[in-house]
Amino acid sequence: MQSNLDLWVLLSHSEEREARLRSMNLLVSEPRASRRIVRRWIGRQLVRIGARLANEPAMSPARAR
């Protein structure tokens, strides 16, 4: 039968290990693909906004008269 002290030691050890792995980016439990999808979506939105701004008449250089 386990005591509460054994469980406490086990939990503290596992938290320290996860913190160490998280700092080295080796923890696999967090899916990197989902972050990549979000980053790509944000990048596409920024490119779309930039293209829209570049096509605005106010953003084009003044023409020589």
C-alpha atoms as a PDB file:
ATOM      1  CA  MET A   1       0.000   0.000   0.000  1.00  0.00           C
ATOM      2  CA  GLN A   2       1.324   3.445  -0.933  1.00  0.00           C
ATOM      3  CA  SER A   3       1.529   6.310   1.466  1.00  0.00           C
ATOM      4  CA  ASN A   4       0.715   9.934   0.696  1.00  0.00           C
ATOM      5  CA  LEU A   5       4.403  10.778   0.973  1.00  0.00           C
ATOM      6  CA  ASP A   6       5.237   8.352  -1.858  1.00  0.00           C
ATOM      7  CA  LEU A   7       2.585   9.964  -4.085  1.00  0.00           C
ATOM      8  CA  TRP A   8       3.826  13.455  -3.235  1.00  0.00           C
ATOM      9  CA  VAL A   9       7.416  12.520  -4.113  1.00  0.00           C
ATOM     10  CA  LEU A  10       6.274  10.912  -7.359  1.00  0.00           C
ATOM     11  CA  LEU A  11       4.187  13.943  -8.377  1.00  0.00           C
ATOM     12  CA  SER A  12       6.930  16.436  -7.571  1.00  0.00           C
ATOM     13  CA  HIS A  13       9.452  14.364  -9.534  1.00  0.00           C
ATOM     14  CA  SER A  14       7.164  14.151 -12.575  1.00  0.00           C
ATOM     15  CA  GLU A  15       6.484  17.925 -12.464  1.00  0.00           C
ATOM     16  CA  GLU A  16      10.210  18.664 -12.359  1.00  0.00           C
ATOM     17  CA  ARG A  17      10.795  16.319 -15.280  1.00  0.00           C
ATOM     18  CA  GLU A  18       8.015  17.902 -17.348  1.00  0.00           C
ATOM     19  CA  ALA A  19       9.355  21.389 -16.581  1.00  0.00           C
ATOM     20  CA  ARG A  20      12.826  20.311 -17.708  1.00  0.00           C
ATOM     21  CA  LEU A  21      11.485  18.761 -20.907  1.00  0.00           C
ATOM     22  CA  ARG A  22       9.299  21.789 -21.594  1.00  0.00           C
ATOM     23  CA  SER A  23      12.308  24.072 -21.305  1.00  0.00           C
ATOM     24  CA  MET A  24      14.146  21.938 -23.882  1.00  0.00           C
ATOM     25  CA  ASN A  25      11.059  21.730 -26.173  1.00  0.00           C
ATOM     26  CA  LEU A  26      11.093  17.935 -26.032  1.00  0.00           C
ATOM     27  CA  LEU A  27       7.697  17.463 -24.438  1.00  0.00           C
ATOM     28  CA  VAL A  28       5.595  15.671 -27.044  1.00  0.00           C
ATOM     29  CA  SER A  29       2.217  16.066 -25.369  1.00  0.00           C
ATOM     30  CA  GLU A  30       1.699  19.498 -26.963  1.00  0.00           C
ATOM     31  CA  PRO A  31       0.946  19.139 -30.680  1.00  0.00           C
ATOM     32  CA  ARG A  32       3.222  21.301 -32.778  1.00  0.00           C
ATOM     33  CA  ALA A  33       1.100  20.827 -35.883  1.00  0.00           C
ATOM     34  CA  SER A  34      -1.781  22.821 -34.419  1.00  0.00           C
ATOM     35  CA  ARG A  35       0.534  25.748 -33.642  1.00  0.00           C
ATOM     36  CA  ARG A  36       1.939  25.544 -37.168  1.00  0.00           C
ATOM     37  CA  ILE A  37      -1.568  25.678 -38.662  1.00  0.00           C
ATOM     38  CA  VAL A  38      -2.397  28.778 -36.637  1.00  0.00           C
ATOM     39  CA  ARG A  39       0.882  30.483 -37.574  1.00  0.00           C
ATOM     40  CA  ARG A  40       0.326  29.765 -41.270  1.00  0.00           C
ATOM     41  CA  TRP A  41      -3.246  31.117 -41.085  1.00  0.00           C
ATOM     42  CA  ILE A  42      -2.029  34.308 -39.405  1.00  0.00           C
ATOM     43  CA  GLY A  43       0.704  34.658 -42.026  1.00  0.00           C
ATOM     44  CA  ARG A  44      -1.801  34.300 -44.863  1.00  0.00           C
ATOM     45  CA  GLN A  45      -4.041  36.931 -43.298  1.00  0.00           C
ATOM     46  CA  LEU A  46      -1.114  39.343 -42.962  1.00  0.00           C
ATOM     47  CA  VAL A  47      -0.120  38.789 -46.598  1.00  0.00           C
ATOM     48  CA  ARG A  48      -3.726  39.361 -47.683  1.00  0.00           C
ATOM     49  CA  ILE A  49      -3.910  42.621 -45.722  1.00  0.00           C
ATOM     50  CA  GLY A  50      -0.550  43.749 -47.109  1.00  0.00           C
ATOM     51  CA  ALA A  51      -1.634  43.048 -50.680  1.00  0.00           C
ATOM     52  CA  ARG A  52      -4.881  44.913 -50.133  1.00  0.00           C
ATOM     53  CA  LEU A  53      -3.010  47.903 -48.696  1.00  0.00           C
ATOM     54  CA  ALA A  54      -0.508  47.865 -51.561  1.00  0.00           C
ATOM     55  CA  ASN A  55      -3.368  48.153 -54.060  1.00  0.00           C
ATOM     56  CA  GLU A  56      -4.876  51.197 -52.339  1.00  0.00           C
ATOM     57  CA  PRO A  57      -4.534  54.406 -54.386  1.00  0.00           C
ATOM     58  CA  ALA A  58      -3.207  56.270 -51.347  1.00  0.00           C
ATOM     59  CA  MET A  59      -0.316  53.810 -51.020  1.00  0.00           C
ATOM     60  CA  SER A  60       0.899  54.185 -54.614  1.00  0.00           C
ATOM     61  CA  PRO A  61       3.618  56.787 -55.224  1.00  0.00           C
ATOM     62  CA  ALA A  62       2.553  60.174 -56.497  1.00  0.00           C
ATOM     63  CA  ARG A  63       2.755  60.424 -60.269  1.00  0.00           C
ATOM     64  CA  ALA A  64       4.883  63.123 -61.836  1.00  0.00           C
ATOM     65  CA  ARG A  65       2.832  65.902 -63.380  1.00  0.00           C
END
